[in-house]
Protein backbone atom coordinates (compact mmCIF):
# COMPACT_ATOMS: atom_id res chain seq x y z
CA MET A 1 76.80 101.18 80.92
CA ASN A 2 78.29 97.87 79.68
CA GLU A 3 75.96 95.09 81.30
CA ARG A 4 78.73 92.61 81.28
CA ALA A 5 81.35 94.82 82.95
CA LEU A 6 78.53 94.93 86.25
CA PRO A 7 79.70 92.61 89.68
CA ALA A 8 78.32 89.92 90.98
CA PRO A 9 75.28 90.90 93.72
CA VAL A 10 76.44 91.28 97.30
CA ASP A 11 76.95 88.25 99.95
CA LEU A 12 73.95 86.14 100.50
CA ASP A 13 74.65 86.89 104.77
CA VAL A 14 73.95 90.96 103.75
CA THR A 15 70.99 90.44 102.15
CA THR A 16 70.25 88.38 104.68
CA GLN A 17 70.31 90.88 107.56
CA VAL A 18 68.53 93.67 105.49
CA GLN A 19 65.60 91.63 104.99
CA ASP A 20 65.64 90.67 108.15
CA LEU A 21 65.31 94.11 109.20
CA ARG A 22 62.73 94.81 106.31
CA ARG A 23 60.39 91.96 107.81
CA ALA A 24 60.55 93.30 111.27
CA VAL A 25 59.80 96.72 110.86
CA GLU A 26 57.00 95.90 108.35
CA SER A 27 55.36 93.44 110.76
CA VAL A 28 54.62 96.98 112.38
CA ILE A 29 53.89 99.25 109.46
CA LEU A 30 51.56 97.34 107.43
CA GLY A 31 51.02 98.14 103.60
CA LYS A 32 54.01 100.86 103.37
CA SER A 33 56.72 98.76 102.19
CA GLU A 34 58.34 101.79 99.75
CA VAL A 35 58.25 104.15 102.61
CA VAL A 36 59.65 100.97 105.14
CA THR A 37 62.36 100.56 102.39
CA LEU A 38 63.23 104.20 102.18
CA ALA A 39 63.66 104.35 105.96
CA LEU A 40 66.59 101.44 105.74
CA VAL A 41 68.20 103.48 102.89
CA ALA A 42 68.57 106.24 105.65
CA LEU A 43 69.56 103.75 107.84
CA ILE A 44 72.52 102.41 106.15
CA ALA A 45 73.55 105.69 104.27
CA GLU A 46 74.29 107.04 107.38
CA GLY A 47 71.51 109.75 106.91
CA HIS A 48 68.94 110.84 108.99
CA LEU A 49 65.09 110.88 108.11
CA LEU A 50 62.25 113.48 108.37
CA VAL A 51 58.54 112.32 108.40
CA GLU A 52 56.28 114.87 107.32
CA ASP A 53 52.81 113.78 107.46
CA VAL A 54 49.10 114.37 109.32
CA PRO A 55 48.74 113.03 113.28
CA GLY A 56 47.89 109.45 113.07
CA VAL A 57 49.26 107.46 109.98
CA GLY A 58 52.23 106.03 111.85
CA LYS A 59 55.53 108.35 111.89
CA THR A 60 56.41 108.03 115.37
CA MET A 61 55.24 103.87 115.19
CA LEU A 62 57.88 104.05 112.18
CA ALA A 63 60.82 105.47 114.10
CA GLN A 64 60.26 102.82 116.69
CA ALA A 65 59.22 99.83 115.08
CA LEU A 66 62.87 100.83 113.05
CA ALA A 67 64.46 101.58 116.69
CA ARG A 68 63.49 97.97 118.44
CA SER A 69 64.60 96.22 115.77
CA LEU A 70 67.68 96.86 116.15
CA GLU A 71 70.18 95.96 119.72
CA GLY A 72 71.28 99.72 119.94
CA THR A 73 70.14 102.27 122.46
CA PHE A 74 66.95 104.35 122.16
CA ARG A 75 65.86 107.75 123.16
CA ARG A 76 62.63 109.66 122.13
CA ILE A 77 62.68 113.56 122.50
CA GLN A 78 58.77 115.03 122.35
CA PHE A 79 59.76 118.64 120.95
CA THR A 80 57.64 121.43 122.33
CA SER A 81 57.31 124.94 122.15
CA ASP A 82 59.39 125.49 125.99
CA LEU A 83 62.27 122.84 125.11
CA LEU A 84 66.06 123.81 125.70
CA PRO A 85 69.13 122.85 124.01
CA SER A 86 70.32 121.75 126.63
CA ASP A 87 67.15 119.48 127.53
CA ILE A 88 68.45 117.59 124.29
CA VAL A 89 72.02 118.16 124.12
CA GLY A 90 72.82 117.66 128.56
CA VAL A 91 74.31 119.98 130.30
CA SER A 92 77.82 120.58 132.59
CA VAL A 93 76.82 120.57 136.73
CA TYR A 94 78.97 121.32 139.21
CA ASN A 95 80.18 118.15 141.88
CA PRO A 96 80.84 119.78 144.74
CA ALA A 97 82.95 116.39 146.09
CA ARG A 98 85.02 116.55 143.30
CA SER A 99 85.32 120.33 142.95
CA ALA A 100 84.75 120.28 139.09
CA PHE A 101 81.67 120.59 136.57
CA GLU A 102 80.75 117.07 134.93
CA PHE A 103 78.83 116.69 131.85
CA LYS A 104 75.45 115.31 131.97
CA ARG A 105 74.35 113.69 128.86
CA GLY A 106 71.44 114.22 126.95
CA PRO A 107 68.70 111.90 125.66
CA LEU A 108 70.51 112.82 122.34
CA PHE A 109 73.23 110.50 123.17
CA ALA A 110 71.87 106.85 121.61
CA ASN A 111 72.07 105.31 118.77
CA VAL A 112 68.35 106.09 117.42
CA VAL A 113 66.92 109.06 118.71
CA LEU A 114 63.23 109.85 117.38
CA ALA A 115 62.83 113.73 117.20
CA ASP A 116 59.05 113.58 117.37
CA GLU A 117 57.03 116.65 116.06
CA ILE A 118 60.11 118.84 115.46
CA ASN A 119 58.22 121.37 114.66
CA ARG A 120 56.65 122.44 117.30
CA SER A 121 60.05 123.96 119.26
CA THR A 122 61.55 126.83 118.36
CA PRO A 123 64.58 127.31 115.88
CA LYS A 124 66.79 127.78 118.64
CA THR A 125 66.04 124.75 120.10
CA GLN A 126 66.19 122.93 116.52
CA SER A 127 69.66 124.40 116.22
CA ALA A 128 70.81 122.42 118.60
CA LEU A 129 70.86 118.94 116.43
CA LEU A 130 72.77 120.69 113.86
CA GLU A 131 76.45 119.55 114.78
CA ALA A 132 75.18 116.67 116.18
CA MET A 133 73.51 115.19 112.39
CA SER A 134 76.47 116.71 110.87
CA GLU A 135 79.76 115.75 112.85
CA GLN A 136 77.97 113.07 115.15
CA GLN A 137 79.39 115.10 118.15
CA VAL A 138 78.22 117.84 120.21
CA THR A 139 80.07 120.50 122.13
CA VAL A 140 79.46 121.60 125.99
CA ASP A 141 81.37 124.01 127.41
CA ASN A 142 84.21 124.34 124.39
CA LEU A 143 84.30 120.29 124.84
CA SER A 144 83.73 117.98 122.15
CA HIS A 145 81.53 114.80 123.64
CA LEU A 146 81.62 112.05 120.69
CA LEU A 147 78.17 110.18 120.27
CA PRO A 148 77.25 106.38 119.85
CA GLN A 149 77.42 105.01 116.52
CA PRO A 150 75.70 104.10 114.64
CA PHE A 151 73.29 107.12 114.63
CA ILE A 152 70.56 108.39 113.36
CA VAL A 153 67.72 110.88 113.94
CA LEU A 154 64.52 110.03 112.91
CA ALA A 155 62.29 113.11 112.94
CA THR A 156 58.60 113.78 112.42
CA GLN A 157 56.60 116.86 111.63
CA ASN A 158 53.00 117.50 111.28
CA PRO A 159 52.34 120.01 108.33
CA ILE A 160 53.56 123.77 109.26
CA GLU A 161 49.99 125.00 108.55
CA HIS A 162 48.75 123.25 111.54
CA HIS A 163 48.48 125.45 114.98
CA GLY A 164 51.71 125.82 117.32
CA THR A 165 54.32 124.97 114.37
CA TYR A 166 57.39 126.45 113.33
CA PRO A 167 59.02 125.60 109.98
CA LEU A 168 62.31 124.08 109.81
CA PRO A 169 65.26 126.76 109.17
CA GLU A 170 67.02 125.87 105.61
CA SER A 171 70.49 124.25 107.50
CA GLN A 172 68.21 121.82 109.58
CA LEU A 173 66.27 121.13 106.51
CA ASP A 174 69.28 120.39 104.80
CA ARG A 175 70.89 117.91 107.34
CA PHE A 176 68.19 115.46 106.95
CA LEU A 177 69.22 113.02 104.01
CA MET A 178 65.41 111.98 102.99
CA ARG A 179 62.06 113.94 103.50
CA ILE A 180 58.96 111.33 103.44
CA ARG A 181 55.46 110.97 103.43
CA MET A 182 53.37 107.84 105.23
CA GLY A 183 50.30 108.53 103.54
CA TYR A 184 47.40 106.74 104.59
CA PRO A 185 46.97 103.03 104.83
CA ASP A 186 44.19 101.83 101.56
CA GLU A 187 41.36 99.57 102.82
CA GLU A 188 42.81 96.24 102.58
CA HIS A 189 45.81 96.94 105.07
CA GLU A 190 43.79 99.31 107.44
CA ARG A 191 41.96 96.43 108.08
CA ALA A 192 44.53 94.18 108.41
CA ILE A 193 46.11 97.09 111.08
CA LEU A 194 42.06 96.37 113.17
CA ARG A 195 42.80 93.09 113.36
CA ALA A 196 46.51 93.25 114.40
CA GLN A 197 45.85 95.30 116.80
CA GLN A 198 42.81 93.99 118.34
CA VAL A 199 44.39 92.55 121.38
CA SER A 200 47.62 94.13 121.81
CA HIS A 201 50.06 95.92 119.52
CA PRO A 202 52.42 94.27 117.36
CA ILE A 203 55.59 96.36 118.73
CA GLU A 204 55.53 94.72 122.11
CA ARG A 205 55.91 91.39 120.18
CA LEU A 206 59.20 93.38 118.02
CA ARG A 207 62.60 92.16 119.14
CA PRO A 208 66.05 93.44 117.76
CA VAL A 209 67.22 91.65 114.59
CA LEU A 210 70.60 93.23 114.21
CA THR A 211 73.24 94.42 116.31
CA CYS A 212 74.83 98.43 116.18
CA GLU A 213 78.42 96.38 114.76
CA ALA A 214 76.12 94.89 112.11
CA VAL A 215 74.70 97.82 110.96
CA SER A 216 77.68 99.56 111.02
CA ARG A 217 79.02 96.77 108.59
CA LEU A 218 76.18 97.46 106.51
CA GLN A 219 77.00 100.79 106.04
CA ALA A 220 80.61 99.79 105.42
CA GLU A 221 79.26 97.78 102.83
CA ALA A 222 77.35 100.68 100.54
CA ARG A 223 79.81 102.75 100.38
CA ARG A 224 81.29 100.23 98.72
CA VAL A 225 78.75 99.75 96.09
CA ARG A 226 79.88 100.25 92.62
CA VAL A 227 78.96 103.61 90.83
CA ASP A 228 80.10 103.66 86.80
CA PRO A 229 81.62 106.40 85.57
CA ALA A 230 78.34 107.06 83.36
CA LEU A 231 75.95 107.18 86.30
CA SER A 232 78.53 109.79 88.48
CA ASP A 233 77.96 111.74 85.16
CA TYR A 234 74.32 111.28 84.55
CA LEU A 235 73.94 112.57 88.81
CA VAL A 236 75.97 115.60 88.02
CA ARG A 237 73.61 116.40 84.98
CA ILE A 238 70.79 116.12 86.46
CA ALA A 239 71.75 118.49 89.51
CA SER A 240 73.15 120.96 86.80
CA ALA A 241 69.66 120.83 85.50
CA THR A 242 68.50 121.55 88.62
CA ARG A 243 70.45 125.16 88.65
CA ARG A 244 69.60 126.51 85.42
CA SER A 245 65.58 125.79 85.49
CA PRO A 246 63.70 128.75 85.49
CA ASP A 247 61.31 127.34 87.88
CA LEU A 248 63.58 127.14 90.76
CA ALA A 249 65.43 129.83 92.78
CA LEU A 250 67.77 127.26 94.45
CA GLY A 251 68.84 124.39 92.80
CA VAL A 252 71.20 121.30 94.56
CA SER A 253 74.24 121.56 96.25
CA PRO A 254 76.80 119.59 95.84
CA ARG A 255 76.63 118.31 99.27
CA GLY A 256 73.15 117.16 97.73
CA THR A 257 74.37 115.92 94.68
CA LEU A 258 76.55 113.30 96.82
CA LEU A 259 73.70 112.84 99.06
CA LEU A 260 72.01 111.12 96.80
CA GLN A 261 74.56 109.10 95.36
CA ARG A 262 75.32 107.60 99.12
CA ALA A 263 71.40 106.93 99.14
CA ALA A 264 71.41 105.20 95.66
CA GLN A 265 74.49 103.04 97.11
CA ALA A 266 71.87 102.00 99.83
CA LEU A 267 69.24 101.32 97.99
CA ALA A 268 71.56 99.38 95.55
CA LEU A 269 72.40 97.58 98.88
CA VAL A 270 69.23 96.97 99.95
CA ALA A 271 68.17 95.59 96.55
CA GLY A 272 70.48 92.97 97.02
CA ARG A 273 72.89 94.12 94.21
CA ASP A 274 76.69 96.12 94.84
CA TYR A 275 76.40 98.03 91.71
CA LEU A 276 74.37 101.46 90.95
CA VAL A 277 72.13 101.53 88.17
CA PRO A 278 70.08 105.01 86.75
CA ASP A 279 66.47 103.00 88.76
CA ASP A 280 68.38 103.80 91.86
CA VAL A 281 69.04 107.16 91.26
CA LYS A 282 65.48 107.98 89.85
CA ALA A 283 63.40 106.44 92.58
CA LEU A 284 65.55 108.65 95.29
CA VAL A 285 65.97 112.25 93.92
CA LEU A 286 62.21 113.50 94.96
CA PRO A 287 62.50 112.38 98.60
CA VAL A 288 66.52 113.25 98.82
CA TRP A 289 66.60 116.71 97.05
CA ALA A 290 63.02 117.74 97.48
CA HIS A 291 63.37 119.78 100.55
CA ARG A 292 66.33 121.26 98.96
CA VAL A 293 65.59 123.47 96.20
CA VAL A 294 63.15 126.70 96.50
CA LEU A 295 60.92 127.86 93.89
CA ARG A 296 61.38 130.77 91.98
CA ALA A 297 58.92 133.53 94.01
CA ARG A 298 55.39 134.55 93.06
CA PRO A 299 53.67 137.30 93.73
CA SER A 300 51.40 137.17 96.44
CA LEU A 301 53.30 134.08 97.91
CA GLY A 302 57.44 134.70 98.18
CA ALA A 303 59.82 132.23 97.50
CA GLU A 304 58.29 128.56 98.49
CA ARG A 305 60.09 125.16 99.50
CA GLY A 306 58.11 121.91 99.43
CA ARG A 307 55.73 119.54 97.39
CA ASP A 308 55.63 122.09 93.81
CA GLY A 309 59.29 121.43 93.42
CA GLU A 310 58.28 117.36 93.52
CA ALA A 311 56.79 118.33 90.60
CA VAL A 312 59.61 120.49 88.57
CA LEU A 313 62.34 117.67 89.69
CA ALA A 314 60.66 114.80 88.04
CA GLN A 315 60.00 117.23 85.10
CA ILE A 316 63.82 118.02 85.29
CA VAL A 317 65.10 113.91 86.16
CA GLU A 318 62.49 112.66 82.97
CA SER A 319 64.03 115.57 80.50
CA VAL A 320 67.34 114.09 81.14
CA PRO A 321 68.71 111.12 79.31
CA ILE A 322 69.62 108.19 81.27
CA PRO A 323 72.85 106.37 80.15
CA LEU A 324 73.16 103.69 78.31
């Protein structure tokens, strides 16, 4: 790529808005700058985020901090084994006064939806999110209802080896732009967490810093981030390599390639650029693609999807030449 042809940095107002949002979330989520960056990328790329980790590391707090930083509506859905699809989407109720059915909206009708412990409900209930996450609408009794904009689902889940959990169906996993882990804080930041919450929780002092209209403008700005043809070719070559890999039974689909490009555009915007560089792509291959690939079957385990796929993807990325 020709560096002299690269556009100028993004507008200062856009950069300021992104940094304001970052500071707001990081005032609650301490020592997790990379995790916060990925959450911002998911929001700006118009995607959904799945946070998988053990209990107690701040999965739910990340979603709440992002939601409270926006002047939009927020709903939390606690997924349990007895949760029904209608509990999420809503239900039609007969109104005797009008002699007609009326649609009562469920908690899914919000700008930010926290699907807490999503893998504790059955696949049937999980699938109630599919249309909402892919088409920004829900259909009940053959009538479609548009969801508020912007719309993002932030889901948390415990590792499937914990009791009382159900693996997410492949179609559900594919609707999430990224899957990330929180991880434990280091000792320095854990001490800071203890000090910060000694009297009250920092989230209680968090106030909105962006309107929904501002978020929509950021999303539109991200779509205008320039993608050099050489970088488009780089993306395609990495995706093709996953399909040819002897270690993978299922490589990345064209939708996965498109979503990686869109996420990379958002990451460039977060970094204050209106053009893509190879590092934007490399930084997002694992969170965007790891839950979309399936390892070849092992005699004792069968086909696998998950963490070992990250190692295979990392090797593939290193094997594909970076465009100059």
